[in-house]
N, C-alpha and C. Protein backbone atom coordinates (compact mmCIF):
# COMPACT_ATOMS: atom_id res chain seq x y z
N MET A 1 -14.82 15.02 -12.37
CA MET A 1 -13.56 14.77 -12.03
C MET A 1 -12.97 15.67 -13.68
N GLY A 2 -13.34 15.29 -14.61
CA GLY A 2 -12.75 15.74 -15.87
C GLY A 2 -12.98 17.06 -15.99
N LEU A 3 -14.21 17.36 -15.91
CA LEU A 3 -14.50 19.08 -15.79
C LEU A 3 -13.76 19.81 -15.27
N ILE A 4 -13.36 19.23 -13.67
CA ILE A 4 -12.67 20.25 -13.04
C ILE A 4 -11.19 20.39 -13.58
N LEU A 5 -10.66 19.13 -14.11
CA LEU A 5 -9.31 19.42 -14.48
C LEU A 5 -9.07 20.26 -15.63
N ILE A 6 -10.12 20.26 -16.33
CA ILE A 6 -9.99 21.21 -17.65
C ILE A 6 -10.23 22.94 -17.22
N ILE A 7 -11.23 23.05 -16.19
CA ILE A 7 -11.25 24.06 -15.71
C ILE A 7 -9.98 24.72 -15.00
N LEU A 8 -9.05 23.65 -14.57
CA LEU A 8 -7.84 24.08 -13.77
C LEU A 8 -6.92 24.15 -14.53
N ALA A 9 -6.77 23.47 -15.99
CA ALA A 9 -5.84 23.72 -16.76
C ALA A 9 -6.20 25.12 -17.62
N LYS A 10 -7.38 25.43 -17.89
CA LYS A 10 -7.57 26.71 -18.46
C LYS A 10 -6.96 27.92 -17.40
N GLY A 11 -7.43 27.60 -16.31
CA GLY A 11 -7.20 28.75 -15.17
C GLY A 11 -5.62 28.97 -14.80
N SER A 12 -4.88 27.86 -15.04
CA SER A 12 -3.23 27.97 -14.79
C SER A 12 -2.52 27.59 -15.90
N SER A 13 -2.66 28.34 -17.07
CA SER A 13 -1.70 27.67 -18.29
C SER A 13 -0.65 28.01 -18.18
N GLY A 14 0.12 28.61 -17.45
CA GLY A 14 1.40 28.93 -17.22
C GLY A 14 1.97 27.95 -16.21
N HIS A 15 1.12 27.18 -15.39
CA HIS A 15 1.48 25.79 -14.90
C HIS A 15 1.09 24.48 -15.49
N LYS A 16 1.55 24.47 -17.04
CA LYS A 16 1.20 23.19 -17.63
C LYS A 16 1.79 21.95 -17.19
N MET A 17 3.11 22.00 -16.70
CA MET A 17 3.88 20.93 -15.97
C MET A 17 3.05 20.64 -14.91
N LYS A 18 2.96 21.47 -13.96
CA LYS A 18 2.07 20.78 -13.05
C LYS A 18 0.86 20.39 -12.88
N PHE A 19 0.04 20.81 -13.96
CA PHE A 19 -1.12 20.14 -14.52
C PHE A 19 -1.07 18.96 -14.98
N ILE A 20 -0.06 18.70 -15.78
CA ILE A 20 0.12 17.47 -16.08
C ILE A 20 0.63 16.39 -15.36
N THR A 21 1.30 16.72 -14.19
CA THR A 21 1.69 15.82 -13.15
C THR A 21 0.50 15.54 -12.21
N HIS A 22 -0.31 16.49 -12.16
CA HIS A 22 -1.62 16.21 -11.37
C HIS A 22 -2.38 15.10 -12.25
N LEU A 23 -2.43 15.38 -13.41
CA LEU A 23 -3.45 14.46 -14.11
C LEU A 23 -2.76 13.20 -14.49
N GLY A 24 -1.30 12.93 -14.47
CA GLY A 24 -0.98 11.75 -14.26
C GLY A 24 -1.29 11.07 -12.94
N PHE A 25 -0.98 11.62 -11.88
CA PHE A 25 -1.44 11.08 -10.62
C PHE A 25 -2.79 10.87 -10.42
N TYR A 26 -3.78 11.71 -11.10
CA TYR A 26 -5.37 10.97 -11.03
C TYR A 26 -5.33 9.94 -12.03
N LEU A 27 -4.75 9.89 -12.96
CA LEU A 27 -4.69 8.65 -13.97
C LEU A 27 -4.39 7.41 -13.57
N SER A 28 -3.24 7.43 -12.79
CA SER A 28 -2.68 6.36 -12.22
C SER A 28 -3.59 6.01 -10.80
N LEU A 29 -4.26 6.72 -10.11
CA LEU A 29 -5.24 6.51 -9.09
C LEU A 29 -6.15 5.67 -9.65
N ALA A 30 -7.02 6.17 -10.78
CA ALA A 30 -7.90 5.59 -11.25
C ALA A 30 -7.53 4.26 -11.95
N ALA A 31 -6.27 4.16 -12.24
CA ALA A 31 -6.21 2.72 -12.97
C ALA A 31 -6.08 1.87 -11.64
N ALA A 32 -5.55 2.27 -10.56
CA ALA A 32 -5.04 1.49 -9.37
C ALA A 32 -6.47 1.21 -8.82
N LEU A 33 -7.55 2.23 -8.83
CA LEU A 33 -8.91 1.65 -8.29
C LEU A 33 -9.74 0.86 -9.24
N ILE A 34 -9.32 0.79 -10.31
CA ILE A 34 -9.83 -0.10 -11.46
C ILE A 34 -9.33 -1.78 -10.85
N PHE A 35 -7.89 -1.46 -11.21
CA PHE A 35 -7.38 -2.73 -10.90
C PHE A 35 -7.80 -3.52 -9.68
N ALA A 36 -8.00 -2.62 -8.52
CA ALA A 36 -8.35 -3.23 -7.33
C ALA A 36 -9.81 -3.91 -7.31
N ILE A 37 -10.69 -3.58 -8.32
CA ILE A 37 -12.24 -3.41 -8.35
C ILE A 37 -12.07 -5.05 -9.00
N VAL A 38 -11.38 -4.92 -10.28
CA VAL A 38 -11.16 -6.28 -11.04
C VAL A 38 -10.51 -7.32 -9.98
N PHE A 39 -9.59 -7.04 -9.34
CA PHE A 39 -8.76 -7.82 -8.41
C PHE A 39 -9.73 -8.71 -7.51
N PHE A 40 -10.51 -7.56 -6.82
CA PHE A 40 -11.45 -8.17 -5.79
C PHE A 40 -12.38 -9.27 -6.61
N MET A 41 -12.83 -8.82 -7.65
CA MET A 41 -14.14 -9.38 -8.59
C MET A 41 -13.67 -10.70 -8.77
N ASP A 42 -12.21 -10.99 -9.05
CA ASP A 42 -11.52 -12.20 -9.52
C ASP A 42 -11.46 -13.06 -8.14
N VAL A 43 -10.94 -12.53 -7.22
CA VAL A 43 -10.48 -13.21 -5.68
C VAL A 43 -11.87 -13.55 -5.07
N PHE A 44 -12.60 -12.71 -4.78
CA PHE A 44 -14.04 -12.79 -4.47
C PHE A 44 -15.25 -12.84 -5.25
N PRO A 45 -15.39 -13.68 -5.92
CA PRO A 45 -16.56 -13.77 -6.83
C PRO A 45 -17.98 -13.93 -6.03
N LEU A 46 -17.95 -14.87 -4.69
CA LEU A 46 -19.08 -14.87 -4.03
C LEU A 46 -19.58 -13.68 -3.56
N THR A 47 -19.02 -12.68 -3.43
CA THR A 47 -19.47 -11.23 -2.85
C THR A 47 -20.44 -10.55 -3.75
N LEU A 48 -20.26 -11.10 -5.15
CA LEU A 48 -21.35 -10.64 -6.22
C LEU A 48 -22.51 -11.03 -5.98
N LYS A 49 -22.83 -12.09 -5.44
CA LYS A 49 -24.16 -13.09 -5.66
C LYS A 49 -25.05 -12.22 -4.58
């Protein structure tokens, strides 16, 4: 994922703001995913056994 973002950044240096917006979107998406995993691990500890 990170490599793809780097390639996109180098390929479209003229669209830096667009890249930063997409980067922030992916970072928030990843943060939400991690939060969901931690949330489920806390709420449903029995599923890990």
